[in-house]
Amino acid sequence: MTGAPPARRSAVKGGRFVGLEGVLGRPIWRGIWLCACLCACLSLAPSRASASPQGGPSPGFQFGLLPDLPNPIGLGGPLVGVHGDALIVAGGANFPVPLTEGGAKVWLGEISVLLPGADEWKSAGALPKPLAYAACASTSRGVVCVGGSDGTAVYAESFLMTWDPQADEVLCTPLPPFPVPNAFGAAEAIGDRVFVLAGKKSKDDADLSGAAWSIDLAEPAPKWTPMAPMPGPARFKVVTAAQHGLGPLPPDSSGTAGFIYAFSGSSARPPNAAPGIDHFTDGYRYAPATDTWTKLADLPVLADPRGLDEDGAFAKERWPINAGSAHAYGKRSVLTFSGATGRYI
């Protein structure tokens, strides 16, 4: 490792630094933690198919509550992922004094970990700086975090969060900087390869990238490689999911088969247009093996049980799911969790 740039050799560990080679070489098993309210089950049909009126099959599982997070207010845009046995929640933002009372938004840097069977969260260190709204993806090597923002700027730094059970803390290891600043982007992993759809380049909601890159953590010197961008307008708050083991292998057979699914998102209108934010209901599938996107059916029309007036309800419209979460379910469905419609969450 002599002569390698410091960004690839060091990790923050309680104010000290440890080697990246000690992080990327560990065999770790994966887990999946789902902690949200089920909103819909999306069919992965191509665009020529009609959308299911009520979302598709009923998933065969039940939700349970995890222990409350240590921050009693809650967190907006925390950095979240799973490494080894640990569910990691880091950073985020909130309003200690409500916005309606003149309060200011505060960005946080604390890292908390929840281990299987635990009835409370464990303090596990801090991020290099307070941060929220980064794109995150869980891999067997750690949680890749890309970009993010604080109260003044949007950043291009990327790093790997790993749980060290011996030290009882989370390490933050720098990765190569992302090609552009990125906030409210989206990231997914298939094997050791992480795919990122870039979001905002600055604090301006209209300053969007529309580009995408991937990085392979198995490479001796991981680097960001351009990939085909998601079709349609540039956007942020896209909802994504990764499906593993389907589709062709990469041309050199060095990776893992799979697809990336991307739905919804939003974009602020340019200054020369009528003020407002557009909320999208389209969906696409990305094939890493061919670096191509396929148009899917739009998001479904769902019954709206909330009893809202005509202007607030979505009873006869397709629902946007901006900034929601999603997870591939079986071979033909994606579960979506919450999300914003532009009228309510």
Protein backbone atom coordinates (compact mmCIF):
# COMPACT_ATOMS: atom_id res chain seq x y z
CA MET A 1 0.00 0.00 0.00
CA THR A 2 3.07 2.26 -0.01
CA GLY A 3 2.45 5.34 -2.10
CA ALA A 4 -1.32 4.86 -2.31
CA PRO A 5 -3.35 8.04 -1.83
CA PRO A 6 -4.51 8.58 1.77
CA ALA A 7 -8.17 8.55 0.75
CA ARG A 8 -7.83 4.84 0.00
CA ARG A 9 -5.80 3.87 3.03
CA SER A 10 -7.39 5.39 6.08
CA ALA A 11 -10.62 5.20 8.04
CA VAL A 12 -11.95 7.35 10.86
CA LYS A 13 -12.09 5.32 14.08
CA GLY A 14 -12.77 7.32 17.20
CA GLY A 15 -10.41 10.05 15.99
CA ARG A 16 -7.79 7.51 14.81
CA PHE A 17 -7.23 6.02 11.34
CA VAL A 18 -7.17 2.40 10.24
CA GLY A 19 -6.26 0.80 6.92
CA LEU A 20 -8.80 0.24 4.15
CA GLU A 21 -7.27 -3.15 3.42
CA GLY A 22 -8.39 -4.28 6.89
CA VAL A 23 -11.97 -3.31 6.08
CA LEU A 24 -12.46 -4.61 2.53
CA GLY A 25 -10.97 -8.04 3.23
CA ARG A 26 -13.48 -9.27 5.81
CA PRO A 27 -15.98 -12.02 4.93
CA ILE A 28 -19.32 -10.76 6.23
CA TRP A 29 -22.82 -12.22 5.85
CA ARG A 30 -25.68 -9.98 4.89
CA GLY A 31 -29.01 -9.25 6.54
CA ILE A 32 -32.04 -7.22 5.52
CA TRP A 33 -33.96 -5.06 7.96
CA LEU A 34 -37.28 -3.57 6.91
CA CYS A 35 -38.78 -0.94 9.20
CA ALA A 36 -41.55 0.98 7.46
CA CYS A 37 -45.20 0.91 6.51
CA LEU A 38 -46.16 -1.07 3.43
CA CYS A 39 -47.73 1.13 0.79
CA ALA A 40 -47.93 -0.96 -2.41
CA CYS A 41 -46.59 -3.99 -4.23
CA LEU A 42 -45.49 -3.02 -7.74
CA SER A 43 -45.58 -5.39 -10.68
CA LEU A 44 -42.38 -5.37 -12.74
CA ALA A 45 -44.26 -5.58 -16.04
CA PRO A 46 -42.90 -3.81 -19.12
CA SER A 47 -44.54 -0.60 -20.25
CA ARG A 48 -46.96 -2.29 -22.63
CA ALA A 49 -48.74 -3.94 -19.68
CA SER A 50 -51.48 -2.13 -17.78
CA ALA A 51 -50.92 -1.29 -14.12
CA SER A 52 -52.58 -3.45 -11.50
CA PRO A 53 -55.49 -1.51 -9.92
CA GLN A 54 -54.60 -2.53 -6.40
CA GLY A 55 -50.93 -3.38 -6.51
CA GLY A 56 -50.57 -7.17 -6.87
CA PRO A 57 -50.00 -10.10 -4.51
CA SER A 58 -50.22 -9.83 -0.75
CA PRO A 59 -46.75 -10.29 0.76
CA GLY A 60 -46.39 -13.24 3.11
CA PHE A 61 -44.83 -11.51 6.11
CA GLN A 62 -45.69 -9.22 9.00
CA PHE A 63 -44.11 -6.01 10.25
CA GLY A 64 -42.88 -5.50 13.79
CA LEU A 65 -41.61 -2.47 15.68
CA LEU A 66 -37.92 -1.98 16.37
CA PRO A 67 -36.75 -0.06 19.45
CA ASP A 68 -37.14 3.70 19.19
CA LEU A 69 -34.11 5.59 17.91
CA PRO A 70 -32.09 7.41 20.59
CA ASN A 71 -33.02 10.80 19.16
CA PRO A 72 -36.56 11.43 20.49
CA ILE A 73 -37.44 13.86 17.69
CA GLY A 74 -36.60 11.44 14.91
CA LEU A 75 -34.30 11.84 11.91
CA GLY A 76 -34.75 13.07 8.38
CA GLY A 77 -32.43 11.65 5.72
CA PRO A 78 -30.12 9.56 7.96
CA LEU A 79 -27.44 7.33 6.45
CA VAL A 80 -28.79 3.79 6.89
CA GLY A 81 -27.61 0.30 6.02
CA VAL A 82 -26.70 -3.16 7.27
CA HIS A 83 -23.22 -4.55 7.77
CA GLY A 84 -22.69 -7.94 9.36
CA ASP A 85 -25.10 -8.24 12.29
CA ALA A 86 -25.54 -4.49 12.65
CA LEU A 87 -28.26 -2.13 11.47
CA ILE A 88 -26.47 1.23 11.21
CA VAL A 89 -28.21 4.61 11.42
CA ALA A 90 -25.94 7.65 11.16
CA GLY A 91 -26.33 11.40 10.90
CA GLY A 92 -29.60 12.87 9.66
CA ALA A 93 -31.35 16.16 10.30
CA ASN A 94 -34.28 17.45 12.36
CA PHE A 95 -35.85 20.51 13.95
CA PRO A 96 -35.27 20.60 17.74
CA VAL A 97 -37.51 23.67 17.72
CA PRO A 98 -40.43 23.19 15.29
CA LEU A 99 -40.25 25.11 12.04
CA THR A 100 -43.69 26.59 12.81
CA GLU A 101 -42.15 28.15 15.92
CA GLY A 102 -39.23 29.66 14.03
CA GLY A 103 -36.82 26.77 14.62
CA ALA A 104 -33.83 26.03 12.40
CA LYS A 105 -32.90 22.70 10.88
CA VAL A 106 -29.99 20.94 12.58
CA TRP A 107 -27.67 18.38 10.96
CA LEU A 108 -26.33 15.55 13.13
CA GLY A 109 -23.34 13.22 13.11
CA GLU A 110 -24.00 10.55 15.74
CA ILE A 111 -23.91 6.88 14.71
CA SER A 112 -26.19 4.29 16.35
CA VAL A 113 -26.26 0.53 15.87
CA LEU A 114 -28.97 -2.04 16.57
CA LEU A 115 -27.89 -5.67 16.93
CA PRO A 116 -30.18 -8.71 16.57
CA GLY A 117 -32.29 -9.28 19.68
CA ALA A 118 -31.24 -6.00 21.31
CA ASP A 119 -33.92 -3.91 22.99
CA GLU A 120 -32.04 -0.62 22.61
CA TRP A 121 -29.64 1.08 20.22
CA LYS A 122 -25.91 1.22 20.88
CA SER A 123 -23.83 4.38 20.43
CA ALA A 124 -21.17 3.56 17.83
CA GLY A 125 -19.19 6.73 17.19
CA ALA A 126 -19.73 9.67 14.87
CA LEU A 127 -19.49 10.58 11.21
CA PRO A 128 -16.50 12.67 10.09
CA LYS A 129 -18.93 15.62 10.00
CA PRO A 130 -22.70 16.14 10.44
CA LEU A 131 -24.42 14.87 7.30
CA ALA A 132 -27.81 13.88 5.86
CA TYR A 133 -29.43 12.94 2.54
CA ALA A 134 -26.55 10.82 1.19
CA ALA A 135 -27.19 7.89 -1.15
CA CYS A 136 -26.49 4.62 0.72
CA ALA A 137 -26.24 0.96 -0.27
CA SER A 138 -25.44 -2.10 1.87
CA THR A 139 -22.79 -4.57 0.70
CA SER A 140 -20.96 -7.44 2.37
CA ARG A 141 -17.97 -5.09 2.73
CA GLY A 142 -19.91 -2.29 4.41
CA VAL A 143 -22.43 0.46 3.74
CA VAL A 144 -21.40 2.72 0.86
CA CYS A 145 -22.42 6.36 1.49
CA VAL A 146 -22.23 8.84 -1.38
CA GLY A 147 -22.48 12.60 -1.08
CA GLY A 148 -24.98 14.16 1.30
CA SER A 149 -25.48 17.68 2.56
CA ASP A 150 -25.44 19.88 5.63
CA GLY A 151 -26.87 23.33 6.25
CA THR A 152 -24.52 25.06 3.82
CA ALA A 153 -23.43 22.72 1.02
CA VAL A 154 -23.87 19.50 -0.96
CA TYR A 155 -20.84 17.20 -0.99
CA ALA A 156 -19.15 14.74 -3.35
CA GLU A 157 -17.27 12.70 -0.74
CA SER A 158 -18.01 8.99 -0.51
CA PHE A 159 -17.07 6.54 2.21
CA LEU A 160 -17.69 3.05 3.57
CA MET A 161 -19.33 2.49 7.00
CA THR A 162 -18.33 -0.83 8.59
CA TRP A 163 -19.33 -2.33 11.93
CA ASP A 164 -16.37 -3.48 14.03
CA PRO A 165 -17.78 -5.76 16.76
CA GLN A 166 -14.44 -6.03 18.55
CA ALA A 167 -14.06 -2.26 18.86
CA ASP A 168 -17.83 -1.87 19.34
CA GLU A 169 -17.97 1.00 16.86
CA VAL A 170 -18.56 1.93 13.23
CA LEU A 171 -15.59 2.85 11.05
CA CYS A 172 -15.87 5.39 8.22
CA THR A 173 -13.38 4.63 5.44
CA PRO A 174 -12.95 7.12 2.57
CA LEU A 175 -13.69 5.96 -0.97
CA PRO A 176 -12.87 7.88 -4.17
CA PRO A 177 -14.86 11.13 -4.37
CA PHE A 178 -18.07 10.94 -6.38
CA PRO A 179 -17.78 12.78 -9.73
CA VAL A 180 -20.36 15.43 -8.74
CA PRO A 181 -21.85 16.73 -5.49
CA ASN A 182 -24.87 14.60 -4.64
CA ALA A 183 -27.81 14.96 -2.27
CA PHE A 184 -31.13 13.11 -2.38
CA GLY A 185 -29.66 10.64 -4.86
CA ALA A 186 -30.23 6.87 -4.79
CA ALA A 187 -27.87 3.90 -4.49
CA GLU A 188 -28.21 0.13 -4.83
CA ALA A 189 -25.73 -2.75 -4.70
CA ILE A 190 -25.49 -6.00 -6.62
CA GLY A 191 -22.65 -8.04 -5.19
CA ASP A 192 -19.63 -5.76 -4.75
CA ARG A 193 -20.81 -3.25 -7.32
CA VAL A 194 -22.71 -0.14 -6.22
CA PHE A 195 -24.86 1.90 -8.60
CA VAL A 196 -25.68 5.55 -7.85
CA LEU A 197 -28.29 7.78 -9.50
CA ALA A 198 -27.13 11.30 -8.72
CA GLY A 199 -29.58 13.83 -7.29
CA LYS A 200 -29.06 17.51 -6.44
CA LYS A 201 -25.69 19.14 -7.12
CA SER A 202 -26.31 22.08 -4.79
CA LYS A 203 -28.86 23.38 -2.30
CA ASP A 204 -30.96 24.55 -5.29
CA ASP A 205 -33.74 22.01 -6.01
CA ALA A 206 -33.50 22.83 -9.72
CA ASP A 207 -29.75 22.07 -9.90
CA LEU A 208 -30.00 18.37 -10.77
CA SER A 209 -27.40 16.04 -12.23
CA GLY A 210 -29.40 13.42 -14.13
CA ALA A 211 -26.24 11.29 -14.41
CA ALA A 212 -25.27 7.93 -12.89
CA TRP A 213 -22.09 6.08 -11.94
CA SER A 214 -21.06 2.74 -10.47
CA ILE A 215 -18.12 1.54 -8.39
CA ASP A 216 -16.79 -2.01 -7.90
CA LEU A 217 -15.45 -2.55 -4.39
CA ALA A 218 -13.76 -5.78 -5.47
CA GLU A 219 -11.30 -3.90 -7.67
CA PRO A 220 -7.81 -3.31 -6.22
CA ALA A 221 -8.32 0.44 -6.75
CA PRO A 222 -12.08 1.11 -6.84
CA LYS A 223 -13.13 3.98 -9.11
CA TRP A 224 -16.36 5.57 -10.28
CA THR A 225 -17.40 4.52 -13.80
CA PRO A 226 -20.11 6.31 -15.82
CA MET A 227 -23.27 4.31 -16.53
CA ALA A 228 -26.28 5.04 -18.71
CA PRO A 229 -28.47 7.64 -16.95
CA MET A 230 -32.04 6.93 -15.91
CA PRO A 231 -34.36 7.94 -18.79
CA GLY A 232 -36.65 10.93 -18.52
CA PRO A 233 -36.10 14.30 -16.86
CA ALA A 234 -33.28 14.80 -14.37
CA ARG A 235 -34.70 14.26 -10.88
CA PHE A 236 -33.97 13.64 -7.21
CA LYS A 237 -35.65 11.53 -4.50
CA VAL A 238 -35.87 8.54 -6.87
CA VAL A 239 -37.02 5.25 -5.29
CA THR A 240 -34.84 2.26 -6.18
CA ALA A 241 -34.53 -1.48 -5.50
CA ALA A 242 -32.03 -4.17 -6.54
CA GLN A 243 -33.02 -7.67 -7.61
CA HIS A 244 -30.22 -10.21 -7.33
CA GLY A 245 -29.54 -13.31 -9.42
CA LEU A 246 -31.75 -12.43 -12.43
CA GLY A 247 -30.75 -11.43 -15.94
CA PRO A 248 -27.46 -11.95 -17.76
CA LEU A 249 -24.03 -11.85 -16.19
CA PRO A 250 -21.71 -8.96 -17.03
CA PRO A 251 -19.75 -9.50 -20.27
CA ASP A 252 -16.59 -10.58 -18.44
CA SER A 253 -18.59 -12.81 -16.02
CA SER A 254 -16.80 -11.16 -13.12
CA GLY A 255 -19.87 -9.74 -11.41
CA THR A 256 -23.26 -10.86 -10.16
CA ALA A 257 -26.42 -11.03 -12.25
CA GLY A 258 -29.22 -8.68 -11.30
CA PHE A 259 -31.35 -5.66 -12.16
CA ILE A 260 -31.83 -2.19 -10.67
CA TYR A 261 -35.36 -0.75 -10.57
CA ALA A 262 -36.05 2.99 -10.36
CA PHE A 263 -39.38 4.74 -9.85
CA SER A 264 -40.84 8.20 -9.36
CA GLY A 265 -38.74 11.12 -8.15
CA SER A 266 -39.31 14.84 -8.51
CA SER A 267 -37.73 17.96 -9.97
CA ALA A 268 -38.16 21.68 -9.45
CA ARG A 269 -39.26 23.56 -12.53
CA PRO A 270 -36.72 25.87 -14.18
CA PRO A 271 -36.92 29.64 -13.54
CA ASN A 272 -38.59 30.28 -16.91
CA ALA A 273 -41.49 27.90 -16.09
CA ALA A 274 -44.46 28.22 -13.75
CA PRO A 275 -43.26 27.82 -10.13
CA GLY A 276 -43.64 24.36 -8.62
CA ILE A 277 -42.24 20.84 -8.41
CA ASP A 278 -43.07 18.03 -10.81
CA HIS A 279 -43.68 14.58 -9.28
CA PHE A 280 -43.16 11.59 -11.58
CA THR A 281 -44.87 8.19 -11.69
CA ASP A 282 -42.73 6.43 -14.32
CA GLY A 283 -40.58 3.35 -13.73
CA TYR A 284 -37.53 1.73 -15.35
CA ARG A 285 -35.29 -1.34 -15.09
CA TYR A 286 -31.51 -1.12 -15.47
CA ALA A 287 -29.44 -4.11 -16.68
CA PRO A 288 -25.80 -3.76 -15.57
CA ALA A 289 -24.69 -6.46 -18.03
CA THR A 290 -25.71 -4.33 -21.02
CA ASP A 291 -25.75 -0.84 -19.44
CA THR A 292 -29.31 -0.33 -20.71
CA TRP A 293 -32.65 0.78 -19.28
CA THR A 294 -36.08 -0.69 -20.04
CA LYS A 295 -39.34 1.23 -19.56
CA LEU A 296 -41.75 -0.44 -17.13
CA ALA A 297 -45.41 0.15 -16.41
CA ASP A 298 -46.10 3.40 -14.58
CA LEU A 299 -46.92 3.35 -10.88
CA PRO A 300 -50.40 1.96 -10.20
CA VAL A 301 -53.72 3.63 -9.50
CA LEU A 302 -54.59 2.75 -5.89
CA ALA A 303 -57.72 3.21 -3.81
CA ASP A 304 -57.36 6.18 -1.45
CA PRO A 305 -58.91 5.31 1.94
CA ARG A 306 -58.16 8.62 3.66
CA GLY A 307 -61.49 10.33 3.01
CA LEU A 308 -59.84 13.47 1.66
CA ASP A 309 -61.57 16.01 -0.53
CA GLU A 310 -61.38 15.78 -4.30
CA ASP A 311 -58.26 17.95 -4.59
CA GLY A 312 -56.29 16.02 -1.98
CA ALA A 313 -57.17 12.44 -2.90
CA PHE A 314 -55.44 10.21 -5.44
CA ALA A 315 -58.41 7.89 -5.97
CA LYS A 316 -58.24 8.17 -9.77
CA GLU A 317 -54.58 9.00 -10.29
CA ARG A 318 -51.24 7.24 -10.19
CA TRP A 319 -49.39 7.87 -6.93
CA PRO A 320 -45.86 9.33 -6.89
CA ILE A 321 -43.67 7.75 -4.19
CA ASN A 322 -40.85 10.32 -4.00
CA ALA A 323 -38.20 9.74 -1.33
CA GLY A 324 -39.76 6.44 -0.29
CA SER A 325 -38.00 3.11 0.27
CA ALA A 326 -38.31 -0.07 -1.77
CA HIS A 327 -37.17 -3.68 -1.71
CA ALA A 328 -37.32 -6.38 -4.37
CA TYR A 329 -39.75 -9.17 -3.46
CA GLY A 330 -39.54 -12.47 -5.31
CA LYS A 331 -38.86 -12.35 -9.04
CA ARG A 332 -41.65 -10.08 -10.24
CA SER A 333 -42.48 -7.54 -7.53
CA VAL A 334 -41.03 -4.59 -5.66
CA LEU A 335 -42.40 -3.56 -2.27
CA THR A 336 -42.55 0.17 -1.67
CA PHE A 337 -42.63 1.81 1.74
CA SER A 338 -44.23 5.21 2.30
CA GLY A 339 -43.09 8.06 0.05
CA ALA A 340 -44.25 11.60 -0.74
CA THR A 341 -46.90 12.41 -3.32
CA GLY A 342 -46.49 16.17 -3.40
CA ARG A 343 -49.77 16.50 -1.45
CA TYR A 344 -49.01 14.42 1.62
CA ILE A 345 -46.72 11.64 2.83
